[in-house]
Amino acid sequence: INTGAFVGHRNLDETIFNTNIEATQAIARQLRMRNLGGIIIIDFIDMSNEEHRRRVLHSLEQALSKDRVKTSINGFSQLGLVEMTRKRTRESIEHVLCNDCPTCHGRGTVKSVETVCYEILREIVRVHHAYDTDRFLVYASPAVGEALKSEESHALAEVE
């Protein structure tokens, strides 16, 4: 979390507090969206005011109360970090959209063929609306080309 050069109209403590409060909403949203789980450490901007710390924790708890996933917040550590755990209920978005990299054998990931197909189809629709064109030349790997002709042919037909 970073305030940049902004220090607000009041004092620095209020700016830090307000920035941390806003961050609690963004953090909760990102945890849900990315389906993050396990031990999570949050490094808020340091606050010297104990009441501000309490209110930031309360704001984080409120933001996470909308989450159906079991979450446990352990509060601020001695280093000023918020420690929490969150149970993952489904596969991560990376696991859904990507495959193990065939070159490095799993140390990295590449987008799945299905993901690339849908990215191509979305781009075709976007370009069609922006430039009112009906002809497209798509360069793709053989696997993606084959998928567009077979498994994803229904989606391709919808675009046509």
Protein backbone atom coordinates (compact mmCIF):
# COMPACT_ATOMS: atom_id res chain seq x y z
CA ILE A 1 0.00 0.00 0.00
CA ASN A 2 1.45 3.33 -0.98
CA THR A 3 0.09 6.88 -0.67
CA GLY A 4 2.53 8.27 -3.23
CA ALA A 5 2.96 12.01 -2.79
CA PHE A 6 -0.60 12.54 -1.49
CA VAL A 7 -0.80 13.67 2.11
CA GLY A 8 -4.34 15.00 2.09
CA HIS A 9 -5.77 18.13 3.61
CA ARG A 10 -5.23 17.11 7.22
CA ASN A 11 -2.22 15.53 8.83
CA LEU A 12 -0.14 12.58 7.75
CA ASP A 13 -1.67 10.21 10.34
CA GLU A 14 -5.17 10.81 8.93
CA THR A 15 -3.95 10.28 5.37
CA ILE A 16 -2.28 7.00 6.34
CA PHE A 17 -5.38 5.88 8.24
CA ASN A 18 -7.75 6.70 5.36
CA THR A 19 -5.46 5.00 2.84
CA ASN A 20 -5.35 1.85 4.97
CA ILE A 21 -9.15 1.88 5.38
CA GLU A 22 -9.59 2.10 1.59
CA ALA A 23 -7.06 -0.70 1.17
CA THR A 24 -9.12 -3.08 3.30
CA GLN A 25 -11.89 -3.05 0.68
CA ALA A 26 -9.44 -3.62 -2.18
CA ILE A 27 -7.68 -6.41 -0.29
CA ALA A 28 -10.93 -8.26 0.40
CA ARG A 29 -12.00 -7.91 -3.23
CA GLN A 30 -8.63 -9.20 -4.52
CA LEU A 31 -8.65 -12.16 -2.12
CA ARG A 32 -12.09 -13.20 -3.40
CA MET A 33 -11.36 -12.51 -7.06
CA ARG A 34 -8.03 -14.37 -7.08
CA ASN A 35 -9.33 -17.06 -4.71
CA LEU A 36 -6.22 -16.76 -2.57
CA GLY A 37 -5.85 -19.14 0.32
CA GLY A 38 -3.38 -20.10 3.01
CA ILE A 39 -1.40 -17.77 5.26
CA ILE A 40 -1.72 -14.18 4.05
CA ILE A 41 0.38 -11.28 5.34
CA ILE A 42 -0.80 -7.70 4.80
CA ASP A 43 1.68 -4.85 5.16
CA PHE A 44 -0.42 -1.76 5.82
CA ILE A 45 1.26 1.62 6.07
CA ASP A 46 2.59 1.93 9.64
CA MET A 47 0.17 3.55 12.06
CA SER A 48 1.28 4.84 15.45
CA ASN A 49 -2.27 5.43 16.68
CA GLU A 50 -3.65 2.27 18.36
CA GLU A 51 -7.26 3.37 17.69
CA HIS A 52 -6.47 3.63 13.97
CA ARG A 53 -5.05 0.09 14.01
CA ARG A 54 -8.18 -1.20 15.73
CA ARG A 55 -10.44 0.53 13.20
CA VAL A 56 -8.42 -0.77 10.23
CA LEU A 57 -8.73 -4.33 11.58
CA HIS A 58 -12.46 -3.80 12.07
CA SER A 59 -12.77 -2.49 8.51
CA LEU A 60 -10.89 -5.53 7.19
CA GLU A 61 -13.15 -7.85 9.19
CA GLN A 62 -16.24 -6.08 7.79
CA ALA A 63 -14.93 -6.30 4.23
CA LEU A 64 -14.17 -10.01 4.64
CA SER A 65 -17.54 -10.73 6.27
CA LYS A 66 -19.06 -10.65 2.76
CA ASP A 67 -16.80 -13.58 1.87
CA ARG A 68 -18.32 -17.07 2.15
CA VAL A 69 -14.86 -18.55 2.68
CA LYS A 70 -13.61 -19.19 6.22
CA THR A 71 -11.15 -16.44 7.15
CA SER A 72 -9.28 -15.88 10.39
CA ILE A 73 -7.55 -12.56 11.15
CA ASN A 74 -4.85 -12.72 13.82
CA GLY A 75 -4.36 -8.97 14.12
CA PHE A 76 -1.19 -6.92 13.90
CA SER A 77 2.09 -8.71 14.61
CA GLN A 78 5.02 -7.15 16.49
CA LEU A 79 6.37 -6.07 13.10
CA GLY A 80 3.14 -4.23 12.29
CA LEU A 81 1.93 -6.80 9.75
CA VAL A 82 -1.59 -8.22 9.71
CA GLU A 83 -1.56 -11.99 9.71
CA MET A 84 -4.56 -13.94 8.47
CA THR A 85 -5.54 -17.29 7.03
CA ARG A 86 -8.09 -17.97 4.32
CA LYS A 87 -9.39 -21.33 3.17
CA ARG A 88 -9.40 -21.86 -0.59
CA THR A 89 -12.61 -23.51 -1.80
CA ARG A 90 -11.92 -23.95 -5.50
CA GLU A 91 -8.96 -23.98 -7.84
CA SER A 92 -6.99 -20.77 -8.27
CA ILE A 93 -7.66 -18.72 -11.40
CA GLU A 94 -4.12 -19.45 -12.59
CA HIS A 95 -4.74 -23.18 -12.28
CA VAL A 96 -8.01 -22.88 -14.23
CA LEU A 97 -6.64 -20.71 -17.06
CA CYS A 98 -3.09 -22.04 -17.40
CA ASN A 99 -1.17 -25.27 -17.94
CA ASP A 100 2.30 -26.30 -16.85
CA CYS A 101 4.95 -24.93 -19.19
CA PRO A 102 6.05 -27.72 -21.57
CA THR A 103 9.54 -26.24 -21.89
CA CYS A 104 10.47 -26.02 -18.21
CA HIS A 105 8.16 -28.90 -17.16
CA GLY A 106 6.08 -27.15 -14.55
CA ARG A 107 8.33 -24.44 -13.10
CA GLY A 108 6.26 -21.89 -15.01
CA THR A 109 2.86 -21.76 -16.64
CA VAL A 110 1.46 -20.94 -20.05
CA LYS A 111 -2.10 -20.07 -20.95
CA SER A 112 -4.23 -23.08 -21.80
CA VAL A 113 -5.35 -23.65 -25.39
CA GLU A 114 -8.94 -22.93 -24.32
CA THR A 115 -7.94 -19.62 -22.72
CA VAL A 116 -6.08 -18.51 -25.86
CA CYS A 117 -9.09 -19.48 -28.02
CA TYR A 118 -11.42 -17.31 -25.97
CA GLU A 119 -8.95 -14.41 -25.97
CA ILE A 120 -8.83 -14.60 -29.78
CA LEU A 121 -12.62 -14.71 -30.03
CA ARG A 122 -12.99 -11.72 -27.69
CA GLU A 123 -10.44 -9.75 -29.72
CA ILE A 124 -12.27 -10.57 -32.97
CA VAL A 125 -15.52 -9.26 -31.50
CA ARG A 126 -13.77 -6.13 -30.18
CA VAL A 127 -12.08 -5.35 -33.52
CA HIS A 128 -15.29 -6.06 -35.44
CA HIS A 129 -17.20 -3.52 -33.34
CA ALA A 130 -14.41 -0.94 -33.42
CA TYR A 131 -13.64 -1.10 -37.15
CA ASP A 132 -16.77 -2.68 -38.68
CA THR A 133 -14.79 -5.33 -40.52
CA ASP A 134 -15.89 -8.86 -41.37
CA ARG A 135 -12.61 -10.50 -42.40
CA PHE A 136 -9.89 -11.58 -40.00
CA LEU A 137 -6.58 -13.32 -40.38
CA VAL A 138 -5.57 -15.10 -37.18
CA TYR A 139 -2.09 -16.49 -36.58
CA ALA A 140 -2.13 -19.16 -33.88
CA SER A 141 -0.31 -22.27 -32.82
CA PRO A 142 -1.44 -25.53 -34.43
CA ALA A 143 -3.07 -26.60 -31.15
CA VAL A 144 -5.10 -23.38 -30.92
CA GLY A 145 -6.09 -23.56 -34.59
CA GLU A 146 -7.24 -27.16 -34.17
CA ALA A 147 -9.22 -26.27 -31.04
CA LEU A 148 -10.96 -23.41 -32.85
CA LYS A 149 -11.99 -25.87 -35.57
CA SER A 150 -13.09 -28.64 -33.21
CA GLU A 151 -13.81 -28.15 -29.47
CA GLU A 152 -14.39 -24.39 -29.75
CA SER A 153 -16.17 -24.45 -33.11
CA HIS A 154 -19.49 -23.63 -31.41
CA ALA A 155 -17.98 -20.44 -29.94
CA LEU A 156 -16.43 -19.57 -33.30
CA ALA A 157 -19.81 -20.06 -34.99
CA GLU A 158 -21.41 -17.62 -32.54
CA VAL A 159 -18.84 -14.98 -33.48
CA GLU A 160 -19.46 -15.51 -37.21
